[in-house]
Amino acid sequence: MKRELDNLVLQMHAAGITYTDAVREFKKRYILEVLSRHRGNQCKAAEELGMHRNTLSRTIAELGMDSTQIRQGMRRPPTSVRPARMARPGLQIVSGGR
């Protein structure tokens, strides 16, 4: 992983990306990754990141990230949008009648 990071840093430097922009992009990606693991739950993400939830919320705002969009992107789609479940082979669905 260190080699990959070294290569990325070299590429970013060669492309003329400033330190400030590089750090900003890293923070965005890292926070999004942790948030996705916790399905948008900022309290749990902040705990994993080792910061207070208010600090995470403020950092998200400073980075120009839309917390509403983040939360909505992590939710399961409504039932009407989800694919239908397939019955397992060998099981029959029988209507309830006597």
Protein backbone atom coordinates (compact mmCIF):
# COMPACT_ATOMS: atom_id res chain seq x y z
CA MET A 1 0.00 0.00 0.00
CA LYS A 2 2.88 2.38 0.75
CA ARG A 3 4.17 1.95 -2.80
CA GLU A 4 0.73 2.81 -4.19
CA LEU A 5 0.56 5.92 -2.03
CA ASP A 6 4.08 6.96 -3.11
CA ASN A 7 3.09 6.58 -6.77
CA LEU A 8 -0.10 8.56 -6.23
CA VAL A 9 1.82 11.38 -4.55
CA LEU A 10 4.33 11.46 -7.43
CA GLN A 11 1.52 11.58 -9.98
CA MET A 12 -0.28 14.36 -8.13
CA HIS A 13 2.91 16.39 -7.83
CA ALA A 14 3.72 15.89 -11.51
CA ALA A 15 0.19 17.02 -12.41
CA GLY A 16 0.69 20.25 -10.46
CA ILE A 17 -1.89 19.53 -7.76
CA THR A 18 -1.28 21.76 -4.78
CA TYR A 19 -0.76 20.43 -1.28
CA THR A 20 -3.99 22.06 -0.10
CA ASP A 21 -6.01 20.45 -2.91
CA ALA A 22 -4.39 17.06 -2.32
CA VAL A 23 -5.16 17.11 1.41
CA ARG A 24 -8.72 18.30 0.73
CA GLU A 25 -9.34 15.48 -1.76
CA PHE A 26 -7.84 12.90 0.61
CA LYS A 27 -10.11 14.06 3.45
CA LYS A 28 -13.19 13.87 1.21
CA ARG A 29 -12.41 10.37 0.00
CA TYR A 30 -11.48 9.08 3.43
CA ILE A 31 -14.58 10.50 5.10
CA LEU A 32 -16.84 9.17 2.34
CA GLU A 33 -15.32 5.70 2.73
CA VAL A 34 -15.90 5.65 6.50
CA LEU A 35 -19.40 7.07 6.13
CA SER A 36 -20.28 4.42 3.56
CA ARG A 37 -19.14 1.67 5.94
CA HIS A 38 -21.54 3.08 8.52
CA ARG A 39 -24.35 3.72 6.02
CA GLY A 40 -24.15 7.50 6.50
CA ASN A 41 -24.29 7.38 10.31
CA GLN A 42 -22.12 10.34 11.33
CA CYS A 43 -21.96 9.36 15.00
CA LYS A 44 -20.48 5.95 14.22
CA ALA A 45 -18.21 7.36 11.49
CA ALA A 46 -16.89 10.06 13.83
CA GLU A 47 -16.13 7.46 16.47
CA GLU A 48 -14.13 5.39 13.97
CA LEU A 49 -12.34 8.51 12.74
CA GLY A 50 -11.44 9.45 16.33
CA MET A 51 -13.24 12.77 16.30
CA HIS A 52 -16.37 14.28 17.79
CA ARG A 53 -19.52 14.14 15.68
CA ASN A 54 -19.69 17.95 15.59
CA THR A 55 -16.14 18.07 14.25
CA LEU A 56 -17.03 15.59 11.52
CA SER A 57 -20.14 17.58 10.65
CA ARG A 58 -18.13 20.81 10.48
CA THR A 59 -15.43 19.13 8.37
CA ILE A 60 -18.07 17.83 5.94
CA ALA A 61 -19.43 21.38 5.60
CA GLU A 62 -15.93 22.89 5.16
CA LEU A 63 -15.16 20.40 2.40
CA GLY A 64 -18.36 21.39 0.60
CA MET A 65 -19.84 17.94 0.95
CA ASP A 66 -23.64 17.69 1.09
CA SER A 67 -24.48 15.68 4.22
CA THR A 68 -28.10 15.22 3.09
CA GLN A 69 -26.96 13.72 -0.20
CA ILE A 70 -24.47 11.52 1.64
CA ARG A 71 -27.18 10.16 3.94
CA GLN A 72 -29.63 9.61 1.09
CA GLY A 73 -26.97 7.88 -0.99
CA MET A 74 -26.34 5.40 1.83
CA ARG A 75 -29.98 4.42 2.36
CA ARG A 76 -31.58 1.37 0.90
CA PRO A 77 -33.83 2.22 -2.05
CA PRO A 78 -37.59 2.20 -1.41
CA THR A 79 -39.36 -1.12 -1.82
CA SER A 80 -40.87 -0.01 -5.13
CA VAL A 81 -37.35 0.44 -6.58
CA ARG A 82 -35.74 -2.71 -5.16
CA PRO A 83 -35.56 -5.78 -7.37
CA ALA A 84 -38.16 -8.43 -6.56
CA ARG A 85 -36.99 -11.35 -4.47
CA MET A 86 -36.85 -14.64 -6.22
CA ALA A 87 -38.26 -17.70 -4.51
CA ARG A 88 -35.67 -20.32 -3.67
CA PRO A 89 -35.67 -23.35 -5.95
CA GLY A 90 -37.87 -26.12 -4.65
CA LEU A 91 -40.16 -23.77 -2.71
CA GLN A 92 -43.64 -23.03 -3.94
CA ILE A 93 -45.66 -20.03 -2.96
CA VAL A 94 -49.16 -21.24 -2.14
CA SER A 95 -52.05 -18.87 -1.66
CA GLY A 96 -53.84 -19.20 1.66
CA GLY A 97 -57.12 -21.00 1.07
CA ARG A 98 -58.87 -23.98 2.59
